Amino acid sequence: MNVRAMSKPYLRYLWLVLGIWLTLSGLAQAATQSRSELLRDAAKAHWIAEGHGHRVVYVIFDPNCPYCHLVYVDSQAYLKKYQFRWVPVDILTRTSPGKAAAMLEARDPKAALKENEDHFVRARGKLGGLKPLAHMTAATRKALDYNKKLLAKTGMEVVPTIIYLKKDGKAKVIKGAPAKADFAAMLAEVSGS
């Protein structure tokens, strides 16, 4: 098959299928760092905290990601016992950088995250509900670059990526959104320290 003769949409589709296959087959492991180092780097990332408690779950997300939105929706029932640290990246669409910047530069980043997710619309490509910033500060660009490097350190740039410390003392990385039925089981693994 002549690769050059393939259409761009077809090639994008093949890359998407390959990415899903790698994720499902468990090949998307942290490539250059141990998972413990990855968890330490996640703590240094630029995140938005939501919830309470000593059980911390990092969620690397794009403001326009419908699967990240599903994780957000599922997380809302657990905010009394868990703290979700939302780590924005800007990898999916042309409005992702402006929306991620709008969250990080907001007077109340948690309210900006909530606005984006509460007004999330999958129809007609609108996706995240937050108005993107036209220009971001250099500090915000640096923060988003750090967050994107954190995502790359997980082995494959897939959102959502979930990172947490398990009760056995090992860090765990989950690529993609857990099924609603598996969300509680995932959280049951999270260490309280």
C-alpha atoms as a PDB file:
ATOM      1  CA  MET A   1       0.000   0.000   0.000  1.00  0.00           C
ATOM      2  CA  ASN A   2       1.407   3.417  -0.982  1.00  0.00           C
ATOM      3  CA  VAL A   3       1.399   5.574   2.175  1.00  0.00           C
ATOM      4  CA  ARG A   4       1.791   8.799   0.194  1.00  0.00           C
ATOM      5  CA  ALA A   5      -1.367   8.032  -1.750  1.00  0.00           C
ATOM      6  CA  MET A   6      -3.430   7.740   1.453  1.00  0.00           C
ATOM      7  CA  SER A   7      -5.618  10.685   2.382  1.00  0.00           C
ATOM      8  CA  LYS A   8      -4.747  12.761   5.453  1.00  0.00           C
ATOM      9  CA  PRO A   9      -8.031  11.901   7.231  1.00  0.00           C
ATOM     10  CA  TYR A  10      -7.323   8.205   6.684  1.00  0.00           C
ATOM     11  CA  LEU A  11      -3.813   8.568   8.153  1.00  0.00           C
ATOM     12  CA  ARG A  12      -5.208  10.440  11.149  1.00  0.00           C
ATOM     13  CA  TYR A  13      -7.713   7.637  11.618  1.00  0.00           C
ATOM     14  CA  LEU A  14      -4.918   5.056  11.535  1.00  0.00           C
ATOM     15  CA  TRP A  15      -2.935   6.998  14.138  1.00  0.00           C
ATOM     16  CA  LEU A  16      -6.032   7.237  16.349  1.00  0.00           C
ATOM     17  CA  VAL A  17      -6.636   3.487  16.088  1.00  0.00           C
ATOM     18  CA  LEU A  18      -2.968   2.810  16.871  1.00  0.00           C
ATOM     19  CA  GLY A  19      -3.149   5.079  19.920  1.00  0.00           C
ATOM     20  CA  ILE A  20      -6.268   3.341  21.209  1.00  0.00           C
ATOM     21  CA  TRP A  21      -4.722  -0.062  20.620  1.00  0.00           C
ATOM     22  CA  LEU A  22      -1.545   0.899  22.501  1.00  0.00           C
ATOM     23  CA  THR A  23      -3.584   2.240  25.383  1.00  0.00           C
ATOM     24  CA  LEU A  24      -5.789  -0.834  25.605  1.00  0.00           C
ATOM     25  CA  SER A  25      -2.862  -3.219  25.300  1.00  0.00           C
ATOM     26  CA  GLY A  26      -1.098  -1.616  28.238  1.00  0.00           C
ATOM     27  CA  LEU A  27       1.937  -0.520  26.250  1.00  0.00           C
ATOM     28  CA  ALA A  28       1.537   3.128  27.259  1.00  0.00           C
ATOM     29  CA  GLN A  29       3.820   3.042  30.289  1.00  0.00           C
ATOM     30  CA  ALA A  30       5.933   5.798  31.769  1.00  0.00           C
ATOM     31  CA  ALA A  31       8.871   5.818  29.396  1.00  0.00           C
ATOM     32  CA  THR A  32      11.690   7.810  30.929  1.00  0.00           C
ATOM     33  CA  GLN A  33      10.882   7.982  34.615  1.00  0.00           C
ATOM     34  CA  SER A  34       9.796   5.693  37.361  1.00  0.00           C
ATOM     35  CA  ARG A  35       6.190   6.156  38.308  1.00  0.00           C
ATOM     36  CA  SER A  36       7.234   7.503  41.736  1.00  0.00           C
ATOM     37  CA  GLU A  37       9.181  10.292  40.012  1.00  0.00           C
ATOM     38  CA  LEU A  38       6.168  10.891  37.801  1.00  0.00           C
ATOM     39  CA  LEU A  39       3.996  11.400  40.883  1.00  0.00           C
ATOM     40  CA  ARG A  40       6.524  13.881  42.328  1.00  0.00           C
ATOM     41  CA  ASP A  41       6.524  15.768  39.013  1.00  0.00           C
ATOM     42  CA  ALA A  42       2.707  15.810  39.032  1.00  0.00           C
ATOM     43  CA  ALA A  43       2.783  17.488  42.449  1.00  0.00           C
ATOM     44  CA  LYS A  44       4.953  20.247  40.921  1.00  0.00           C
ATOM     45  CA  ALA A  45       2.633  20.708  37.929  1.00  0.00           C
ATOM     46  CA  HIS A  46       0.243  23.627  37.553  1.00  0.00           C
ATOM     47  CA  TRP A  47      -3.102  22.226  38.621  1.00  0.00           C
ATOM     48  CA  ILE A  48      -6.516  23.261  39.879  1.00  0.00           C
ATOM     49  CA  ALA A  49      -7.612  21.544  43.095  1.00  0.00           C
ATOM     50  CA  GLU A  50     -11.173  20.409  43.596  1.00  0.00           C
ATOM     51  CA  GLY A  51     -12.441  18.416  46.566  1.00  0.00           C
ATOM     52  CA  HIS A  52     -11.151  17.575  50.010  1.00  0.00           C
ATOM     53  CA  GLY A  53      -9.247  14.851  51.762  1.00  0.00           C
ATOM     54  CA  HIS A  54      -5.788  13.341  51.699  1.00  0.00           C
ATOM     55  CA  ARG A  55      -6.495  11.019  48.764  1.00  0.00           C
ATOM     56  CA  VAL A  56      -5.101  12.863  45.750  1.00  0.00           C
ATOM     57  CA  VAL A  57      -5.833  12.046  42.108  1.00  0.00           C
ATOM     58  CA  TYR A  58      -4.092  13.966  39.309  1.00  0.00           C
ATOM     59  CA  VAL A  59      -6.040  14.242  36.057  1.00  0.00           C
ATOM     60  CA  ILE A  60      -4.163  15.579  33.029  1.00  0.00           C
ATOM     61  CA  PHE A  61      -6.860  16.948  30.742  1.00  0.00           C
ATOM     62  CA  ASP A  62      -7.544  19.144  27.756  1.00  0.00           C
ATOM     63  CA  PRO A  63     -10.420  21.655  28.156  1.00  0.00           C
ATOM     64  CA  ASN A  64     -11.953  20.376  24.886  1.00  0.00           C
ATOM     65  CA  CYS A  65     -11.667  16.648  25.623  1.00  0.00           C
ATOM     66  CA  PRO A  66     -15.045  14.874  25.871  1.00  0.00           C
ATOM     67  CA  TYR A  67     -13.477  11.898  27.694  1.00  0.00           C
ATOM     68  CA  CYS A  68     -11.865  14.246  30.223  1.00  0.00           C
ATOM     69  CA  HIS A  69     -15.316  15.747  30.707  1.00  0.00           C
ATOM     70  CA  LEU A  70     -16.658  12.285  31.593  1.00  0.00           C
ATOM     71  CA  VAL A  71     -13.957  11.941  34.285  1.00  0.00           C
ATOM     72  CA  TYR A  72     -14.945  15.369  35.612  1.00  0.00           C
ATOM     73  CA  VAL A  73     -18.623  14.379  35.786  1.00  0.00           C
ATOM     74  CA  ASP A  74     -17.797  11.081  37.534  1.00  0.00           C
ATOM     75  CA  SER A  75     -15.480  12.821  40.027  1.00  0.00           C
ATOM     76  CA  GLN A  76     -18.167  15.138  41.374  1.00  0.00           C
ATOM     77  CA  ALA A  77     -19.713  12.437  43.585  1.00  0.00           C
ATOM     78  CA  TYR A  78     -16.377  11.882  45.369  1.00  0.00           C
ATOM     79  CA  LEU A  79     -15.271  15.411  46.260  1.00  0.00           C
ATOM     80  CA  LYS A  80     -15.833  14.948  50.010  1.00  0.00           C
ATOM     81  CA  LYS A  81     -13.232  12.194  50.328  1.00  0.00           C
ATOM     82  CA  TYR A  82     -10.858  12.874  47.427  1.00  0.00           C
ATOM     83  CA  GLN A  83      -8.952  15.815  46.054  1.00  0.00           C
ATOM     84  CA  PHE A  84      -8.804  15.916  42.276  1.00  0.00           C
ATOM     85  CA  ARG A  85      -5.953  17.982  40.895  1.00  0.00           C
ATOM     86  CA  TRP A  86      -6.824  18.985  37.351  1.00  0.00           C
ATOM     87  CA  VAL A  87      -3.669  19.492  35.255  1.00  0.00           C
ATOM     88  CA  PRO A  88      -4.591  21.382  32.052  1.00  0.00           C
ATOM     89  CA  VAL A  89      -2.780  20.791  28.767  1.00  0.00           C
ATOM     90  CA  ASP A  90      -3.466  22.247  25.337  1.00  0.00           C
ATOM     91  CA  ILE A  91      -3.146  19.487  22.780  1.00  0.00           C
ATOM     92  CA  LEU A  92      -6.497  18.801  21.084  1.00  0.00           C
ATOM     93  CA  THR A  93      -7.921  21.819  19.259  1.00  0.00           C
ATOM     94  CA  ARG A  94      -7.007  25.362  18.273  1.00  0.00           C
ATOM     95  CA  THR A  95      -9.039  26.732  21.230  1.00  0.00           C
ATOM     96  CA  SER A  96      -7.397  24.438  23.792  1.00  0.00           C
ATOM     97  CA  PRO A  97      -4.467  26.795  24.585  1.00  0.00           C
ATOM     98  CA  GLY A  98      -6.777  29.767  25.178  1.00  0.00           C
ATOM     99  CA  LYS A  99      -9.154  27.765  27.366  1.00  0.00           C
ATOM    100  CA  ALA A 100      -6.341  26.205  29.412  1.00  0.00           C
ATOM    101  CA  ALA A 101      -4.833  29.672  29.857  1.00  0.00           C
ATOM    102  CA  ALA A 102      -8.222  31.113  30.857  1.00  0.00           C
ATOM    103  CA  MET A 103      -8.390  28.554  33.658  1.00  0.00           C
ATOM    104  CA  LEU A 104      -4.879  29.128  34.947  1.00  0.00           C
ATOM    105  CA  GLU A 105      -5.108  32.921  34.727  1.00  0.00           C
ATOM    106  CA  ALA A 106      -8.617  33.191  36.199  1.00  0.00           C
ATOM    107  CA  ARG A 107      -9.141  34.999  39.481  1.00  0.00           C
ATOM    108  CA  ASP A 108     -10.823  31.759  40.615  1.00  0.00           C
ATOM    109  CA  PRO A 109      -9.360  28.854  38.602  1.00  0.00           C
ATOM    110  CA  LYS A 110     -11.757  26.348  40.193  1.00  0.00           C
ATOM    111  CA  ALA A 111     -14.752  28.435  39.063  1.00  0.00           C
ATOM    112  CA  ALA A 112     -13.266  28.629  35.537  1.00  0.00           C
ATOM    113  CA  LEU A 113     -12.842  24.833  35.476  1.00  0.00           C
ATOM    114  CA  LYS A 114     -16.438  24.432  36.647  1.00  0.00           C
ATOM    115  CA  GLU A 115     -17.704  26.858  33.986  1.00  0.00           C
ATOM    116  CA  ASN A 116     -15.860  24.936  31.276  1.00  0.00           C
ATOM    117  CA  GLU A 117     -17.245  21.582  32.401  1.00  0.00           C
ATOM    118  CA  ASP A 118     -20.771  22.713  33.326  1.00  0.00           C
ATOM    119  CA  HIS A 119     -21.202  24.229  29.853  1.00  0.00           C
ATOM    120  CA  PHE A 120     -19.492  21.436  27.945  1.00  0.00           C
ATOM    121  CA  VAL A 121     -21.283  20.715  24.660  1.00  0.00           C
ATOM    122  CA  ARG A 122     -20.211  17.872  22.382  1.00  0.00           C
ATOM    123  CA  ALA A 123     -22.459  18.972  19.517  1.00  0.00           C
ATOM    124  CA  ARG A 124     -21.174  21.110  16.642  1.00  0.00           C
ATOM    125  CA  GLY A 125     -17.589  21.014  17.922  1.00  0.00           C
ATOM    126  CA  LYS A 126     -18.148  23.514  20.745  1.00  0.00           C
ATOM    127  CA  LEU A 127     -16.768  21.190  23.424  1.00  0.00           C
ATOM    128  CA  GLY A 128     -15.465  23.029  26.531  1.00  0.00           C
ATOM    129  CA  GLY A 129     -17.702  25.882  27.634  1.00  0.00           C
ATOM    130  CA  LEU A 130     -15.075  28.423  28.705  1.00  0.00           C
ATOM    131  CA  LYS A 131     -14.245  31.373  26.482  1.00  0.00           C
ATOM    132  CA  PRO A 132     -10.584  31.113  25.424  1.00  0.00           C
ATOM    133  CA  LEU A 133      -8.109  33.883  26.181  1.00  0.00           C
ATOM    134  CA  ALA A 134      -6.781  35.624  23.100  1.00  0.00           C
ATOM    135  CA  HIS A 135      -3.317  36.035  24.675  1.00  0.00           C
ATOM    136  CA  MET A 136      -1.674  34.259  27.586  1.00  0.00           C
ATOM    137  CA  THR A 137       1.128  35.460  29.814  1.00  0.00           C
ATOM    138  CA  ALA A 138       4.632  34.070  29.502  1.00  0.00           C
ATOM    139  CA  ALA A 139       4.220  32.475  32.940  1.00  0.00           C
ATOM    140  CA  THR A 140       1.076  30.659  31.787  1.00  0.00           C
ATOM    141  CA  ARG A 141       2.817  29.453  28.604  1.00  0.00           C
ATOM    142  CA  LYS A 142       5.639  28.106  30.776  1.00  0.00           C
ATOM    143  CA  ALA A 143       3.131  26.395  33.098  1.00  0.00           C
ATOM    144  CA  LEU A 144       1.327  24.750  30.180  1.00  0.00           C
ATOM    145  CA  ASP A 145       4.662  23.642  28.694  1.00  0.00           C
ATOM    146  CA  TYR A 146       5.546  21.993  32.037  1.00  0.00           C
ATOM    147  CA  ASN A 147       2.169  20.254  32.127  1.00  0.00           C
ATOM    148  CA  LYS A 148       2.610  19.032  28.544  1.00  0.00           C
ATOM    149  CA  LYS A 149       6.078  17.665  29.407  1.00  0.00           C
ATOM    150  CA  LEU A 150       4.525  15.835  32.363  1.00  0.00           C
ATOM    151  CA  LEU A 151       2.022  14.240  29.992  1.00  0.00           C
ATOM    152  CA  ALA A 152       4.845  13.235  27.623  1.00  0.00           C
ATOM    153  CA  LYS A 153       6.704  11.596  30.524  1.00  0.00           C
ATOM    154  CA  THR A 154       3.777   9.201  30.970  1.00  0.00           C
ATOM    155  CA  GLY A 155       4.779   7.563  27.707  1.00  0.00           C
ATOM    156  CA  MET A 156       2.039   8.678  25.344  1.00  0.00           C
ATOM    157  CA  GLU A 157       0.145  11.941  24.984  1.00  0.00           C
ATOM    158  CA  VAL A 158      -3.384  10.746  25.667  1.00  0.00           C
ATOM    159  CA  VAL A 159      -5.977  12.679  27.625  1.00  0.00           C
ATOM    160  CA  PRO A 160      -7.261  12.073  30.133  1.00  0.00           C
ATOM    161  CA  THR A 161      -4.273  10.620  31.939  1.00  0.00           C
ATOM    162  CA  ILE A 162      -4.857   9.837  35.603  1.00  0.00           C
ATOM    163  CA  ILE A 163      -2.011   9.502  38.120  1.00  0.00           C
ATOM    164  CA  TYR A 164      -2.312   8.539  41.788  1.00  0.00           C
ATOM    165  CA  LEU A 165      -0.534   6.777  44.642  1.00  0.00           C
ATOM    166  CA  LYS A 166      -1.932   3.337  45.390  1.00  0.00           C
ATOM    167  CA  LYS A 167      -2.325   1.925  48.900  1.00  0.00           C
ATOM    168  CA  ASP A 168       0.602  -0.430  48.221  1.00  0.00           C
ATOM    169  CA  GLY A 169       2.877   2.632  47.863  1.00  0.00           C
ATOM    170  CA  LYS A 170       3.200   2.424  44.077  1.00  0.00           C
ATOM    171  CA  ALA A 171       2.133   5.108  41.659  1.00  0.00           C
ATOM    172  CA  LYS A 172      -0.420   4.170  39.004  1.00  0.00           C
ATOM    173  CA  VAL A 173      -1.026   5.730  35.594  1.00  0.00           C
ATOM    174  CA  ILE A 174      -4.304   5.233  33.757  1.00  0.00           C
ATOM    175  CA  LYS A 175      -4.633   6.323  30.145  1.00  0.00           C
ATOM    176  CA  GLY A 176      -8.137   7.238  29.055  1.00  0.00           C
ATOM    177  CA  ALA A 177     -11.381   7.595  30.967  1.00  0.00           C
ATOM    178  CA  PRO A 178     -12.333   4.671  33.210  1.00  0.00           C
ATOM    179  CA  ALA A 179     -15.807   3.293  32.617  1.00  0.00           C
ATOM    180  CA  LYS A 180     -18.364   4.705  35.048  1.00  0.00           C
ATOM    181  CA  ALA A 181     -18.673   1.261  36.648  1.00  0.00           C
ATOM    182  CA  ASP A 182     -14.869   1.150  37.221  1.00  0.00           C
ATOM    183  CA  PHE A 183     -14.486   4.657  38.638  1.00  0.00           C
ATOM    184  CA  ALA A 184     -15.260   3.714  42.260  1.00  0.00           C
ATOM    185  CA  ALA A 185     -12.926   0.705  42.075  1.00  0.00           C
ATOM    186  CA  MET A 186     -10.147   2.960  40.798  1.00  0.00           C
ATOM    187  CA  LEU A 187     -10.655   5.389  43.659  1.00  0.00           C
ATOM    188  CA  ALA A 188     -10.675   2.555  46.195  1.00  0.00           C
ATOM    189  CA  GLU A 189      -7.006   1.966  45.242  1.00  0.00           C
ATOM    190  CA  VAL A 190      -5.965   5.550  46.075  1.00  0.00           C
ATOM    191  CA  SER A 191      -3.771   5.930  49.147  1.00  0.00           C
ATOM    192  CA  GLY A 192      -4.802   8.350  51.865  1.00  0.00           C
ATOM    193  CA  SER A 193      -1.280   9.628  52.479  1.00  0.00           C
END
